[in-house]
């Protein structure tokens, strides 16, 4: 009737281990060498930045559409900041105008290129291309620090820089969006945008 009482072993309320714990698997790898570099995770590729800069500085160089179609805003932000800094050296505090005109110009070009191209384009790609093609305008504003651009030589130099910026931007857009035969149509609004930046530099 009564079951025999088990002897006391001194392990009250200590359950026996019914499973063997597994070692936790690392999520990111065994060590830090397996992780990608920080700049790669942020999307900053210095090789592509250098190639885009060379494409702008060399207007007759053929643009690589695969590289130009990337959304890279590291270079354009640096170039906008450098443009504002050279204007500051000439005694013009125009950082707000530079970023404001850039935003409005990118929005206008975004709408225009989406109407003209068959494939469509992202806003980041438009901002990236227009920002990289601002590089010759930095040379103009640097020249305005030393010399006045309100003479005949300044007008010719300013017209040449506007043509350089708009030609480079239109060349990149038609190569990235496969818009053959439409370079002049794309270059005209680009020239209007860079003409506003040139007016800030001259006056």
C-alpha atoms as a PDB file:
ATOM      1  CA  UNK A   1       0.000   0.000   0.000  1.00  0.00           C
ATOM      2  CA  UNK A   2       2.624   2.610   0.875  1.00  0.00           C
ATOM      3  CA  UNK A   3       5.524   3.074  -1.461  1.00  0.00           C
ATOM      4  CA  UNK A   4       8.976   2.975   0.024  1.00  0.00           C
ATOM      5  CA  UNK A   5      10.417   6.411   0.780  1.00  0.00           C
ATOM      6  CA  UNK A   6      13.434   7.409  -1.291  1.00  0.00           C
ATOM      7  CA  UNK A   7      16.555   8.457   0.560  1.00  0.00           C
ATOM      8  CA  UNK A   8      17.400  12.138   0.728  1.00  0.00           C
ATOM      9  CA  UNK A   9      20.320  13.054  -1.571  1.00  0.00           C
ATOM     10  CA  UNK A  10      20.530  16.803  -0.755  1.00  0.00           C
ATOM     11  CA  UNK A  11      19.325  18.058  -4.189  1.00  0.00           C
ATOM     12  CA  UNK A  12      15.855  19.407  -3.533  1.00  0.00           C
ATOM     13  CA  UNK A  13      14.304  21.537  -6.329  1.00  0.00           C
ATOM     14  CA  UNK A  14      17.242  20.972  -8.674  1.00  0.00           C
ATOM     15  CA  UNK A  15      15.912  19.351 -11.855  1.00  0.00           C
ATOM     16  CA  UNK A  16      18.126  17.100 -13.830  1.00  0.00           C
ATOM     17  CA  UNK A  17      19.463  18.415 -17.139  1.00  0.00           C
ATOM     18  CA  UNK A  18      17.339  16.883 -19.876  1.00  0.00           C
ATOM     19  CA  UNK A  19      19.088  18.496 -22.885  1.00  0.00           C
ATOM     20  CA  UNK A  20      22.570  19.371 -23.935  1.00  0.00           C
ATOM     21  CA  UNK A  21      23.060  23.077 -24.693  1.00  0.00           C
ATOM     22  CA  UNK A  22      24.190  23.903 -28.211  1.00  0.00           C
ATOM     23  CA  UNK A  23      26.899  26.425 -28.853  1.00  0.00           C
ATOM     24  CA  UNK A  24      25.472  29.686 -30.221  1.00  0.00           C
ATOM     25  CA  UNK A  25      26.217  30.274 -33.907  1.00  0.00           C
ATOM     26  CA  UNK A  26      27.808  33.628 -34.696  1.00  0.00           C
ATOM     27  CA  UNK A  27      25.620  35.864 -36.842  1.00  0.00           C
ATOM     28  CA  UNK A  28      28.249  38.016 -38.537  1.00  0.00           C
ATOM     29  CA  UNK A  29      31.132  35.570 -38.702  1.00  0.00           C
ATOM     30  CA  UNK A  30      33.825  34.294 -36.421  1.00  0.00           C
ATOM     31  CA  UNK A  31      35.970  37.424 -36.401  1.00  0.00           C
ATOM     32  CA  UNK A  32      36.151  41.002 -37.637  1.00  0.00           C
ATOM     33  CA  UNK A  33      38.061  40.047 -40.789  1.00  0.00           C
ATOM     34  CA  UNK A  34      34.911  38.518 -42.308  1.00  0.00           C
ATOM     35  CA  UNK A  35      32.968  41.779 -42.084  1.00  0.00           C
ATOM     36  CA  UNK A  36      32.883  44.217 -45.038  1.00  0.00           C
ATOM     37  CA  UNK A  37      34.655  47.582 -44.695  1.00  0.00           C
ATOM     38  CA  UNK A  38      32.710  50.479 -43.222  1.00  0.00           C
ATOM     39  CA  UNK A  39      32.936  52.614 -46.388  1.00  0.00           C
ATOM     40  CA  UNK A  40      31.501  49.740 -48.426  1.00  0.00           C
ATOM     41  CA  UNK A  41      28.576  49.426 -46.020  1.00  0.00           C
ATOM     42  CA  UNK A  42      27.955  53.186 -46.314  1.00  0.00           C
ATOM     43  CA  UNK A  43      28.020  52.962 -50.114  1.00  0.00           C
ATOM     44  CA  UNK A  44      31.155  55.103 -50.602  1.00  0.00           C
ATOM     45  CA  UNK A  45      33.369  53.770 -53.390  1.00  0.00           C
ATOM     46  CA  UNK A  46      36.438  55.933 -53.983  1.00  0.00           C
ATOM     47  CA  UNK A  47      37.212  54.222 -57.280  1.00  0.00           C
ATOM     48  CA  UNK A  48      33.808  55.160 -58.703  1.00  0.00           C
ATOM     49  CA  UNK A  49      34.117  58.693 -57.313  1.00  0.00           C
ATOM     50  CA  UNK A  50      37.463  59.085 -59.065  1.00  0.00           C
ATOM     51  CA  UNK A  51      36.084  57.710 -62.349  1.00  0.00           C
ATOM     52  CA  UNK A  52      33.110  60.076 -62.245  1.00  0.00           C
ATOM     53  CA  UNK A  53      35.381  63.024 -61.487  1.00  0.00           C
ATOM     54  CA  UNK A  54      37.637  62.155 -64.432  1.00  0.00           C
ATOM     55  CA  UNK A  55      34.579  61.846 -66.681  1.00  0.00           C
ATOM     56  CA  UNK A  56      33.542  65.387 -65.742  1.00  0.00           C
ATOM     57  CA  UNK A  57      37.048  66.834 -66.077  1.00  0.00           C
ATOM     58  CA  UNK A  58      37.526  65.171 -69.474  1.00  0.00           C
ATOM     59  CA  UNK A  59      34.403  66.116 -71.485  1.00  0.00           C
ATOM     60  CA  UNK A  60      35.349  63.994 -74.520  1.00  0.00           C
ATOM     61  CA  UNK A  61      35.777  60.821 -72.453  1.00  0.00           C
ATOM     62  CA  UNK A  62      33.038  58.224 -72.949  1.00  0.00           C
ATOM     63  CA  UNK A  63      30.897  57.903 -69.811  1.00  0.00           C
ATOM     64  CA  UNK A  64      30.299  54.473 -68.289  1.00  0.00           C
ATOM     65  CA  UNK A  65      26.533  54.228 -67.885  1.00  0.00           C
ATOM     66  CA  UNK A  66      26.684  51.483 -65.242  1.00  0.00           C
ATOM     67  CA  UNK A  67      28.823  53.611 -62.917  1.00  0.00           C
ATOM     68  CA  UNK A  68      26.994  56.847 -63.651  1.00  0.00           C
ATOM     69  CA  UNK A  69      23.604  55.315 -62.845  1.00  0.00           C
ATOM     70  CA  UNK A  70      24.557  54.844 -59.178  1.00  0.00           C
ATOM     71  CA  UNK A  71      23.170  56.958 -56.370  1.00  0.00           C
ATOM     72  CA  UNK A  72      26.364  58.408 -54.967  1.00  0.00           C
ATOM     73  CA  UNK A  73      25.965  61.635 -53.013  1.00  0.00           C
ATOM     74  CA  UNK A  74      29.328  61.727 -51.228  1.00  0.00           C
ATOM     75  CA  UNK A  75      31.138  63.479 -54.084  1.00  0.00           C
ATOM     76  CA  UNK A  76      28.335  65.993 -54.858  1.00  0.00           C
ATOM     77  CA  UNK A  77      28.096  67.042 -51.206  1.00  0.00           C
ATOM     78  CA  UNK A  78      31.854  67.668 -51.126  1.00  0.00           C
ATOM     79  CA  UNK A  79      31.705  69.647 -54.384  1.00  0.00           C
ATOM     80  CA  UNK A  80      28.765  71.781 -53.191  1.00  0.00           C
ATOM     81  CA  UNK A  81      30.624  72.485 -49.958  1.00  0.00           C
ATOM     82  CA  UNK A  82      33.790  73.372 -51.893  1.00  0.00           C
ATOM     83  CA  UNK A  83      31.793  75.691 -54.176  1.00  0.00           C
ATOM     84  CA  UNK A  84      30.311  77.472 -51.180  1.00  0.00           C
ATOM     85  CA  UNK A  85      33.751  77.689 -49.556  1.00  0.00           C
ATOM     86  CA  UNK A  86      35.317  79.330 -52.629  1.00  0.00           C
ATOM     87  CA  UNK A  87      32.438  81.799 -52.735  1.00  0.00           C
ATOM     88  CA  UNK A  88      33.102  82.502 -49.071  1.00  0.00           C
ATOM     89  CA  UNK A  89      36.727  83.290 -49.890  1.00  0.00           C
ATOM     90  CA  UNK A  90      35.437  85.884 -52.361  1.00  0.00           C
ATOM     91  CA  UNK A  91      33.324  87.474 -49.603  1.00  0.00           C
ATOM     92  CA  UNK A  92      29.983  85.911 -50.604  1.00  0.00           C
ATOM     93  CA  UNK A  93      28.141  83.881 -47.977  1.00  0.00           C
ATOM     94  CA  UNK A  94      25.881  81.899 -50.303  1.00  0.00           C
ATOM     95  CA  UNK A  95      25.657  78.407 -48.794  1.00  0.00           C
ATOM     96  CA  UNK A  96      21.858  78.591 -48.544  1.00  0.00           C
ATOM     97  CA  UNK A  97      21.515  79.674 -52.168  1.00  0.00           C
ATOM     98  CA  UNK A  98      23.857  76.907 -53.348  1.00  0.00           C
ATOM     99  CA  UNK A  99      21.937  74.126 -51.613  1.00  0.00           C
ATOM    100  CA  UNK A 100      18.530  75.659 -52.370  1.00  0.00           C
ATOM    101  CA  UNK A 101      19.193  76.100 -56.086  1.00  0.00           C
ATOM    102  CA  UNK A 102      20.721  72.615 -56.195  1.00  0.00           C
ATOM    103  CA  UNK A 103      17.590  71.051 -54.698  1.00  0.00           C
ATOM    104  CA  UNK A 104      15.211  72.943 -57.011  1.00  0.00           C
ATOM    105  CA  UNK A 105      17.387  72.202 -60.048  1.00  0.00           C
ATOM    106  CA  UNK A 106      17.588  68.494 -59.215  1.00  0.00           C
ATOM    107  CA  UNK A 107      13.828  68.322 -58.808  1.00  0.00           C
ATOM    108  CA  UNK A 108      13.249  70.049 -62.158  1.00  0.00           C
ATOM    109  CA  UNK A 109      15.741  67.834 -63.995  1.00  0.00           C
ATOM    110  CA  UNK A 110      14.236  64.752 -62.337  1.00  0.00           C
ATOM    111  CA  UNK A 111      10.776  65.598 -63.686  1.00  0.00           C
ATOM    112  CA  UNK A 112      12.140  66.507 -67.126  1.00  0.00           C
ATOM    113  CA  UNK A 113      14.268  63.385 -67.558  1.00  0.00           C
ATOM    114  CA  UNK A 114      11.438  61.101 -66.454  1.00  0.00           C
ATOM    115  CA  UNK A 115       9.281  62.654 -69.185  1.00  0.00           C
ATOM    116  CA  UNK A 116      12.000  62.348 -71.834  1.00  0.00           C
ATOM    117  CA  UNK A 117      13.500  58.914 -71.139  1.00  0.00           C
ATOM    118  CA  UNK A 118      11.877  55.528 -71.633  1.00  0.00           C
ATOM    119  CA  UNK A 119      13.511  53.848 -68.641  1.00  0.00           C
ATOM    120  CA  UNK A 120      13.081  56.577 -66.025  1.00  0.00           C
ATOM    121  CA  UNK A 121      15.634  57.804 -63.521  1.00  0.00           C
ATOM    122  CA  UNK A 122      15.828  58.115 -59.754  1.00  0.00           C
ATOM    123  CA  UNK A 123      16.153  61.412 -57.915  1.00  0.00           C
ATOM    124  CA  UNK A 124      19.432  60.296 -56.340  1.00  0.00           C
ATOM    125  CA  UNK A 125      20.984  59.606 -59.738  1.00  0.00           C
ATOM    126  CA  UNK A 126      20.005  63.080 -61.004  1.00  0.00           C
ATOM    127  CA  UNK A 127      21.410  64.733 -57.879  1.00  0.00           C
ATOM    128  CA  UNK A 128      24.611  62.709 -58.176  1.00  0.00           C
ATOM    129  CA  UNK A 129      25.251  63.637 -61.826  1.00  0.00           C
ATOM    130  CA  UNK A 130      24.420  67.325 -61.388  1.00  0.00           C
ATOM    131  CA  UNK A 131      26.590  67.485 -58.273  1.00  0.00           C
ATOM    132  CA  UNK A 132      29.607  65.923 -59.963  1.00  0.00           C
ATOM    133  CA  UNK A 133      29.267  68.257 -62.949  1.00  0.00           C
ATOM    134  CA  UNK A 134      29.463  71.239 -60.570  1.00  0.00           C
ATOM    135  CA  UNK A 135      33.227  70.675 -60.392  1.00  0.00           C
ATOM    136  CA  UNK A 136      34.178  73.132 -63.214  1.00  0.00           C
ATOM    137  CA  UNK A 137      32.085  75.802 -61.478  1.00  0.00           C
ATOM    138  CA  UNK A 138      34.436  75.467 -58.488  1.00  0.00           C
ATOM    139  CA  UNK A 139      37.293  76.451 -60.805  1.00  0.00           C
ATOM    140  CA  UNK A 140      35.322  79.539 -61.877  1.00  0.00           C
ATOM    141  CA  UNK A 141      34.580  80.605 -58.314  1.00  0.00           C
ATOM    142  CA  UNK A 142      38.227  80.002 -57.381  1.00  0.00           C
ATOM    143  CA  UNK A 143      39.279  82.266 -60.253  1.00  0.00           C
ATOM    144  CA  UNK A 144      36.806  84.896 -58.984  1.00  0.00           C
ATOM    145  CA  UNK A 145      38.667  85.019 -55.656  1.00  0.00           C
ATOM    146  CA  UNK A 146      41.710  86.572 -57.367  1.00  0.00           C
ATOM    147  CA  UNK A 147      40.318  88.321 -60.447  1.00  0.00           C
ATOM    148  CA  UNK A 148      37.085  90.069 -61.329  1.00  0.00           C
ATOM    149  CA  UNK A 149      34.783  88.251 -63.741  1.00  0.00           C
ATOM    150  CA  UNK A 150      32.781  91.312 -64.785  1.00  0.00           C
ATOM    151  CA  UNK A 151      34.875  92.115 -67.880  1.00  0.00           C
ATOM    152  CA  UNK A 152      34.974  90.625 -71.349  1.00  0.00           C
ATOM    153  CA  UNK A 153      37.472  87.931 -70.307  1.00  0.00           C
ATOM    154  CA  UNK A 154      35.265  86.994 -67.369  1.00  0.00           C
ATOM    155  CA  UNK A 155      32.196  86.707 -69.599  1.00  0.00           C
ATOM    156  CA  UNK A 156      34.024  84.425 -72.049  1.00  0.00           C
ATOM    157  CA  UNK A 157      35.416  82.298 -69.205  1.00  0.00           C
ATOM    158  CA  UNK A 158      31.990  82.047 -67.555  1.00  0.00           C
ATOM    159  CA  UNK A 159      30.326  81.011 -70.832  1.00  0.00           C
ATOM    160  CA  UNK A 160      33.000  78.357 -71.335  1.00  0.00           C
ATOM    161  CA  UNK A 161      32.519  76.958 -67.818  1.00  0.00           C
ATOM    162  CA  UNK A 162      28.726  76.839 -68.260  1.00  0.00           C
ATOM    163  CA  UNK A 163      29.183  74.975 -71.541  1.00  0.00           C
ATOM    164  CA  UNK A 164      31.658  72.590 -69.896  1.00  0.00           C
ATOM    165  CA  UNK A 165      29.282  71.758 -67.010  1.00  0.00           C
ATOM    166  CA  UNK A 166      26.202  71.351 -69.203  1.00  0.00           C
ATOM    167  CA  UNK A 167      28.042  69.266 -71.836  1.00  0.00           C
ATOM    168  CA  UNK A 168      29.414  66.907 -69.174  1.00  0.00           C
ATOM    169  CA  UNK A 169      26.041  66.527 -67.457  1.00  0.00           C
ATOM    170  CA  UNK A 170      24.152  65.915 -70.706  1.00  0.00           C
ATOM    171  CA  UNK A 171      26.775  63.390 -71.853  1.00  0.00           C
ATOM    172  CA  UNK A 172      26.414  61.419 -68.609  1.00  0.00           C
ATOM    173  CA  UNK A 173      22.607  61.540 -68.712  1.00  0.00           C
ATOM    174  CA  UNK A 174      22.310  60.253 -72.271  1.00  0.00           C
ATOM    175  CA  UNK A 175      24.793  57.434 -71.590  1.00  0.00           C
ATOM    176  CA  UNK A 176      23.097  56.348 -68.350  1.00  0.00           C
ATOM    177  CA  UNK A 177      19.540  56.575 -69.716  1.00  0.00           C
ATOM    178  CA  UNK A 178      20.206  55.417 -73.325  1.00  0.00           C
ATOM    179  CA  UNK A 179      18.883  58.687 -74.790  1.00  0.00           C
ATOM    180  CA  UNK A 180      20.810  58.747 -78.055  1.00  0.00           C
ATOM    181  CA  UNK A 181      20.398  61.877 -80.155  1.00  0.00           C
ATOM    182  CA  UNK A 182      18.909  63.968 -77.339  1.00  0.00           C
ATOM    183  CA  UNK A 183      22.039  65.541 -75.879  1.00  0.00           C
ATOM    184  CA  UNK A 184      21.192  69.093 -76.941  1.00  0.00           C
ATOM    185  CA  UNK A 185      17.716  68.780 -75.433  1.00  0.00           C
ATOM    186  CA  UNK A 186      19.231  67.684 -72.117  1.00  0.00           C
ATOM    187  CA  UNK A 187      22.096  70.205 -72.254  1.00  0.00           C
ATOM    188  CA  UNK A 188      19.781  73.229 -72.489  1.00  0.00           C
ATOM    189  CA  UNK A 189      18.124  72.910 -69.023  1.00  0.00           C
ATOM    190  CA  UNK A 190      21.500  71.930 -67.562  1.00  0.00           C
ATOM    191  CA  UNK A 191      22.972  75.155 -68.975  1.00  0.00           C
ATOM    192  CA  UNK A 192      20.151  77.145 -67.367  1.00  0.00           C
ATOM    193  CA  UNK A 193      20.875  75.568 -63.986  1.00  0.00           C
ATOM    194  CA  UNK A 194      24.636  76.080 -64.148  1.00  0.00           C
ATOM    195  CA  UNK A 195      24.055  79.595 -65.461  1.00  0.00           C
ATOM    196  CA  UNK A 196      22.432  80.461 -62.122  1.00  0.00           C
ATOM    197  CA  UNK A 197      25.511  79.176 -60.279  1.00  0.00           C
ATOM    198  CA  UNK A 198      27.691  81.237 -62.623  1.00  0.00           C
ATOM    199  CA  UNK A 199      25.674  84.363 -61.818  1.00  0.00           C
ATOM    200  CA  UNK A 200      26.314  83.768 -58.118  1.00  0.00           C
ATOM    201  CA  UNK A 201      30.035  83.470 -58.849  1.00  0.00           C
ATOM    202  CA  UNK A 202      30.259  86.575 -61.059  1.00  0.00           C
ATOM    203  CA  UNK A 203      28.095  89.023 -59.111  1.00  0.00           C
END
